[in-house]
Amino acid sequence: MPAPVRPLLAVDAPSLLYRAFFALPQSITDDDGQPVNALLGMANLVLFAVERHTPRAVVLCWGAESADYRTAAFAAYHADRPPMPAELERQWRDAPGFFGAFGWRSESVDELEADDLLGSLAQVESAAGGETLLFTGDRDMFQCVGDTVTVLFPRGGKDGPEVVDAQSVRERYGIEPEQVADFIALRGDPSDGLPGAKGIGAKTARDLLRAHGTLEGVIAAASKPGLMTPRQAGALTDDPDALRAFKDIATLRRVNLARPPDAPLDRAGAAAAARARGMNRLAERLGG
């Protein structure tokens, strides 16, 4: 009987590091009194996934706050996001080295975002016959879900991240994973500063995509009488190029990457790195 496939675990490092920073108190510090709450919280999040899914390797994905192609398409993209807190900056710089001691590699690209790397790693892994777990709090990544790609979506509580597969996307949004970018273009995405089509909410976006398949199909239908309400048709024909730009922003770019090699968790190295930063309970959990 063949051994089960061990997935690649690709982690949206900015997403989890921010989540951990705001979830844990800054009173968690190293011996110099510097906050390590984000590093500790992210380590625990990823270790939870490692212990339950036994990945063949862990890759942390990093990138720009705003990809060049996205801000070029829509200047207000990410414009309302506040600057990084000073207490997080030091931990952010330390993160690749700290997690490198776990045997987890970091990948980064300057002009694109972490989600572009996540999607690219999933494509590379699928092409090689493997499976990928994408650990991210970015719902845009639901567009990658399929037979060999699953999203781990963080949530509170002891149950760990939600496992999001294609059926989960259908139940959540009423659309197929490959329609997620079209859905975002129509509904908008407040977290990214994308307004979508005026007056088109999640339910209407779902119904339009069910009826017409894609954003282009929806725009084409808007010019034909009787297929939707005048208000809906007006929202879609007022500036269709803006809607196309929103879809382009939501659509991931491919990054040329090699398939990561197998890399087991280095418990001894991780424990030493944890103790060096005052994380004694984490070091004990790791066996060191």
Protein backbone atom coordinates (compact mmCIF):
# COMPACT_ATOMS: atom_id res chain seq x y z
CA MET A 1 0.00 0.00 0.00
CA PRO A 2 1.57 3.34 -1.06
CA ALA A 3 2.43 5.85 1.62
CA PRO A 4 0.06 8.85 1.86
CA VAL A 5 1.13 12.01 0.06
CA ARG A 6 2.78 14.48 2.40
CA PRO A 7 1.71 17.98 1.39
CA LEU A 8 3.78 21.10 0.99
CA LEU A 9 2.78 23.68 3.60
CA ALA A 10 3.05 27.19 2.13
CA VAL A 11 2.52 29.92 4.72
CA ASP A 12 1.37 33.50 4.19
CA ALA A 13 3.97 34.87 6.59
CA PRO A 14 2.77 38.52 6.68
CA SER A 15 -0.81 37.42 7.32
CA LEU A 16 0.06 35.10 10.20
CA LEU A 17 2.67 37.42 11.72
CA TYR A 18 0.20 40.31 11.86
CA ARG A 19 -2.52 38.04 13.24
CA ALA A 20 -0.22 36.77 15.98
CA PHE A 21 1.00 40.29 16.83
CA PHE A 22 -2.52 41.53 17.54
CA ALA A 23 -3.67 38.30 19.20
CA LEU A 24 -0.95 38.11 21.87
CA PRO A 25 0.14 40.80 24.37
CA GLN A 26 3.33 42.75 23.79
CA SER A 27 4.31 41.89 27.35
CA ILE A 28 5.69 38.64 25.90
CA THR A 29 9.33 39.67 25.58
CA ASP A 30 12.84 38.30 25.26
CA ASP A 31 15.58 38.74 27.87
CA ASP A 32 16.25 42.27 26.57
CA GLY A 33 12.63 43.27 27.07
CA GLN A 34 11.84 43.32 23.34
CA PRO A 35 8.43 41.99 22.25
CA VAL A 36 8.44 38.51 20.68
CA ASN A 37 4.66 37.99 20.73
CA ALA A 38 4.29 37.87 16.94
CA LEU A 39 7.12 35.35 16.51
CA LEU A 40 5.78 33.14 19.30
CA GLY A 41 2.21 33.27 18.07
CA MET A 42 3.13 32.51 14.48
CA ALA A 43 5.39 29.64 15.57
CA ASN A 44 2.50 28.09 17.48
CA LEU A 45 0.12 28.53 14.56
CA VAL A 46 2.44 26.86 12.07
CA LEU A 47 3.44 24.10 14.49
CA PHE A 48 -0.24 23.27 14.95
CA ALA A 49 -0.52 22.72 11.19
CA VAL A 50 2.76 20.79 11.05
CA GLU A 51 1.70 18.42 13.82
CA ARG A 52 -1.66 17.68 12.21
CA HIS A 53 -0.75 17.53 8.55
CA THR A 54 2.90 16.30 8.59
CA PRO A 55 4.02 18.36 5.58
CA ARG A 56 7.08 17.35 3.61
CA ALA A 57 8.36 20.93 3.89
CA VAL A 58 7.29 24.37 5.13
CA VAL A 59 7.85 27.48 3.01
CA LEU A 60 7.17 30.97 4.37
CA CYS A 61 6.12 33.41 1.66
CA TRP A 62 6.95 37.11 1.88
CA GLY A 63 6.55 40.02 -0.50
CA ALA A 64 5.68 43.65 -0.99
CA GLU A 65 2.89 45.29 0.96
CA SER A 66 1.35 46.29 -2.39
CA ALA A 67 2.36 44.69 -5.67
CA ASP A 68 3.36 47.14 -8.39
CA TYR A 69 0.81 45.82 -10.88
CA ARG A 70 -2.00 46.24 -8.35
CA THR A 71 -1.26 49.85 -7.40
CA ALA A 72 -0.73 50.68 -11.08
CA ALA A 73 -4.21 49.32 -11.85
CA PHE A 74 -5.90 51.07 -8.91
CA ALA A 75 -4.10 53.71 -6.89
CA ALA A 76 -6.32 53.26 -3.82
CA TYR A 77 -5.36 49.60 -3.45
CA HIS A 78 -4.16 49.10 0.18
CA ALA A 79 -4.04 52.89 0.55
CA ASP A 80 -5.95 52.91 3.86
CA ARG A 81 -3.75 50.36 5.63
CA PRO A 82 -1.87 51.82 8.59
CA PRO A 83 1.93 51.59 8.81
CA MET A 84 3.51 48.62 10.54
CA PRO A 85 3.64 49.07 14.34
CA ALA A 86 7.16 49.76 15.59
CA GLU A 87 6.89 46.84 18.02
CA LEU A 88 6.38 44.50 15.06
CA GLU A 89 9.18 45.83 12.86
CA ARG A 90 11.99 44.19 14.83
CA GLN A 91 10.17 40.86 14.92
CA TRP A 92 9.48 41.10 11.18
CA ARG A 93 13.20 41.47 10.47
CA ASP A 94 14.02 38.58 12.79
CA ALA A 95 11.37 36.23 11.42
CA PRO A 96 13.25 34.62 8.48
CA GLY A 97 16.24 33.80 10.67
CA PHE A 98 14.13 32.60 13.58
CA PHE A 99 11.96 30.33 11.46
CA GLY A 100 14.93 29.23 9.41
CA ALA A 101 16.16 27.52 12.58
CA PHE A 102 13.00 25.37 12.39
CA GLY A 103 14.06 24.15 8.95
CA TRP A 104 11.43 26.37 7.31
CA ARG A 105 12.66 28.23 4.26
CA SER A 106 11.59 31.74 3.26
CA GLU A 107 10.75 32.86 -0.26
CA SER A 108 10.30 36.52 -1.14
CA VAL A 109 9.76 38.67 -4.21
CA ASP A 110 10.05 42.45 -4.11
CA GLU A 111 7.57 43.56 -6.76
CA LEU A 112 4.83 41.03 -5.95
CA GLU A 113 3.01 39.96 -2.80
CA ALA A 114 3.10 36.85 -0.67
CA ASP A 115 -0.14 35.57 -2.20
CA ASP A 116 1.48 35.46 -5.65
CA LEU A 117 4.20 33.22 -4.21
CA LEU A 118 1.64 31.02 -2.46
CA GLY A 119 -0.28 30.45 -5.67
CA SER A 120 2.89 29.80 -7.63
CA LEU A 121 4.13 27.22 -5.13
CA ALA A 122 0.79 25.44 -5.34
CA GLN A 123 1.04 25.29 -9.13
CA VAL A 124 4.59 23.93 -8.99
CA GLU A 125 3.63 21.31 -6.42
CA SER A 126 0.55 20.19 -8.34
CA ALA A 127 2.54 19.92 -11.57
CA ALA A 128 4.94 17.58 -9.77
CA GLY A 129 2.10 15.37 -8.56
CA GLY A 130 2.02 16.75 -5.03
CA GLU A 131 -0.50 18.46 -2.80
CA THR A 132 -0.36 21.87 -1.13
CA LEU A 133 -1.78 23.42 2.00
CA LEU A 134 -1.95 27.21 1.85
CA PHE A 135 -2.01 28.65 5.38
CA THR A 136 -3.39 32.16 4.98
CA GLY A 137 -5.98 34.59 6.28
CA ASP A 138 -6.47 36.02 2.78
CA ARG A 139 -9.76 34.87 1.26
CA ASP A 140 -8.45 35.79 -2.20
CA MET A 141 -6.49 32.54 -1.99
CA PHE A 142 -9.70 30.53 -2.26
CA GLN A 143 -9.20 30.89 -6.02
CA CYS A 144 -6.39 28.32 -5.77
CA VAL A 145 -8.45 25.58 -4.14
CA GLY A 146 -8.87 22.37 -6.09
CA ASP A 147 -8.19 18.65 -6.09
CA THR A 148 -4.60 19.11 -4.93
CA VAL A 149 -4.76 22.48 -3.14
CA THR A 150 -6.46 23.27 0.18
CA VAL A 151 -6.50 26.47 2.22
CA LEU A 152 -5.97 26.48 5.97
CA PHE A 153 -7.84 29.57 7.13
CA PRO A 154 -6.92 30.75 10.65
CA ARG A 155 -9.57 31.08 13.30
CA GLY A 156 -9.70 31.38 17.06
CA GLY A 157 -10.13 28.52 19.49
CA LYS A 158 -8.51 25.16 20.03
CA ASP A 159 -9.63 23.56 16.77
CA GLY A 160 -6.95 25.22 14.68
CA PRO A 161 -7.42 26.61 11.17
CA GLU A 162 -10.50 25.89 9.09
CA VAL A 163 -9.84 23.49 6.22
CA VAL A 164 -11.23 25.11 3.06
CA ASP A 165 -11.67 22.88 0.03
CA ALA A 166 -13.67 23.41 -3.16
CA GLN A 167 -16.93 22.35 -1.51
CA SER A 168 -16.27 24.82 1.30
CA VAL A 169 -15.92 27.64 -1.24
CA ARG A 170 -19.22 26.62 -2.84
CA GLU A 171 -20.95 26.56 0.54
CA ARG A 172 -19.44 29.87 1.63
CA TYR A 173 -19.94 31.92 -1.55
CA GLY A 174 -22.13 29.82 -3.85
CA ILE A 175 -19.52 29.90 -6.63
CA GLU A 176 -16.63 27.80 -7.90
CA PRO A 177 -13.05 28.54 -6.77
CA GLU A 178 -12.11 29.67 -10.28
CA GLN A 179 -14.79 32.39 -10.05
CA VAL A 180 -13.34 34.00 -6.91
CA ALA A 181 -11.52 36.79 -8.76
CA ASP A 182 -14.70 37.60 -10.72
CA PHE A 183 -16.65 37.60 -7.45
CA ILE A 184 -14.18 40.03 -5.85
CA ALA A 185 -14.39 42.35 -8.86
CA LEU A 186 -18.17 42.51 -8.55
CA ARG A 187 -18.64 42.54 -4.77
CA GLY A 188 -15.44 44.44 -3.93
CA ASP A 189 -12.98 43.76 -1.12
CA PRO A 190 -12.87 46.34 1.71
CA SER A 191 -9.66 44.86 3.15
CA ASP A 192 -7.86 45.70 -0.10
CA GLY A 193 -9.69 48.96 -0.77
CA LEU A 194 -11.55 47.60 -3.83
CA PRO A 195 -15.06 49.07 -4.13
CA GLY A 196 -16.48 46.60 -6.67
CA ALA A 197 -19.62 47.46 -8.64
CA LYS A 198 -21.82 50.03 -6.90
CA GLY A 199 -24.71 48.37 -5.09
CA ILE A 200 -23.62 44.82 -5.95
CA GLY A 201 -23.28 42.76 -2.78
CA ALA A 202 -22.23 39.18 -2.19
CA LYS A 203 -25.64 37.63 -2.97
CA THR A 204 -26.10 39.55 -6.21
CA ALA A 205 -22.52 38.84 -7.30
CA ARG A 206 -23.13 35.14 -6.65
CA ASP A 207 -26.37 35.11 -8.63
CA LEU A 208 -24.85 37.00 -11.55
CA LEU A 209 -21.92 34.62 -11.78
CA ARG A 210 -24.17 31.59 -11.52
CA ALA A 211 -26.20 32.95 -14.43
CA HIS A 212 -23.39 34.29 -16.63
CA GLY A 213 -20.22 32.46 -15.59
CA THR A 214 -17.55 35.15 -15.59
CA LEU A 215 -17.14 38.89 -15.15
CA GLU A 216 -17.07 39.30 -18.93
CA GLY A 217 -20.26 37.29 -19.20
CA VAL A 218 -21.90 39.48 -16.58
CA ILE A 219 -20.79 42.70 -18.31
CA ALA A 220 -22.08 41.40 -21.65
CA ALA A 221 -25.43 40.44 -20.11
CA ALA A 222 -25.80 43.92 -18.61
CA SER A 223 -26.21 45.41 -22.08
CA LYS A 224 -29.08 43.07 -22.97
CA PRO A 225 -32.60 44.04 -21.87
CA GLY A 226 -34.45 41.88 -19.39
CA LEU A 227 -31.49 39.92 -17.97
CA MET A 228 -31.09 42.02 -14.82
CA THR A 229 -32.56 45.06 -13.09
CA PRO A 230 -31.81 48.53 -14.48
CA ARG A 231 -29.88 49.37 -11.30
CA GLN A 232 -27.69 46.29 -11.66
CA ALA A 233 -27.15 46.90 -15.37
CA GLY A 234 -26.17 50.50 -14.69
CA ALA A 235 -23.63 49.49 -12.03
CA LEU A 236 -22.01 47.10 -14.48
CA THR A 237 -21.98 49.32 -17.56
CA ASP A 238 -21.00 52.57 -15.83
CA ASP A 239 -17.27 51.71 -15.84
CA PRO A 240 -16.65 48.12 -16.94
CA ASP A 241 -12.91 48.73 -17.33
CA ALA A 242 -12.68 49.48 -13.61
CA LEU A 243 -14.32 46.13 -12.87
CA ARG A 244 -11.84 44.44 -15.18
CA ALA A 245 -9.03 46.15 -13.30
CA PHE A 246 -10.43 44.87 -9.99
CA LYS A 247 -10.46 41.33 -11.36
CA ASP A 248 -6.89 41.73 -12.59
CA ILE A 249 -5.84 42.93 -9.13
CA ALA A 250 -7.49 39.88 -7.53
CA THR A 251 -5.88 37.47 -10.01
CA LEU A 252 -2.54 36.04 -8.86
CA ARG A 253 0.66 36.38 -10.87
CA ARG A 254 2.89 33.41 -11.57
CA VAL A 255 6.40 33.47 -10.09
CA ASN A 256 9.10 31.23 -11.55
CA LEU A 257 10.01 28.95 -8.65
CA ALA A 258 11.68 25.58 -8.27
CA ARG A 259 9.86 22.89 -6.32
CA PRO A 260 11.09 23.07 -2.69
CA PRO A 261 12.97 20.01 -1.43
CA ASP A 262 11.79 17.96 1.52
CA ALA A 263 12.80 19.56 4.81
CA PRO A 264 11.81 18.03 8.17
CA LEU A 265 11.20 20.12 11.26
CA ASP A 266 14.52 20.76 13.04
CA ARG A 267 13.32 20.44 16.62
CA ALA A 268 16.73 20.98 18.20
CA GLY A 269 17.47 24.07 16.12
CA ALA A 270 13.99 25.45 16.72
CA ALA A 271 14.22 24.87 20.47
CA ALA A 272 17.58 26.65 20.64
CA ALA A 273 16.20 29.62 18.68
CA ALA A 274 13.17 29.76 20.96
CA ARG A 275 15.25 29.72 24.16
CA ALA A 276 17.50 32.45 22.77
CA ARG A 277 14.41 34.66 22.56
CA GLY A 278 13.02 33.78 25.99
CA MET A 279 10.37 31.39 24.66
CA ASN A 280 11.05 28.63 27.15
CA ARG A 281 7.64 26.94 26.98
CA LEU A 282 7.91 26.77 23.19
CA ALA A 283 11.39 25.27 23.53
CA GLU A 284 9.98 22.61 25.86
CA ARG A 285 7.20 21.86 23.39
CA LEU A 286 9.87 21.30 20.75
CA GLY A 287 11.76 18.95 23.06
CA GLY A 288 14.73 21.15 23.78
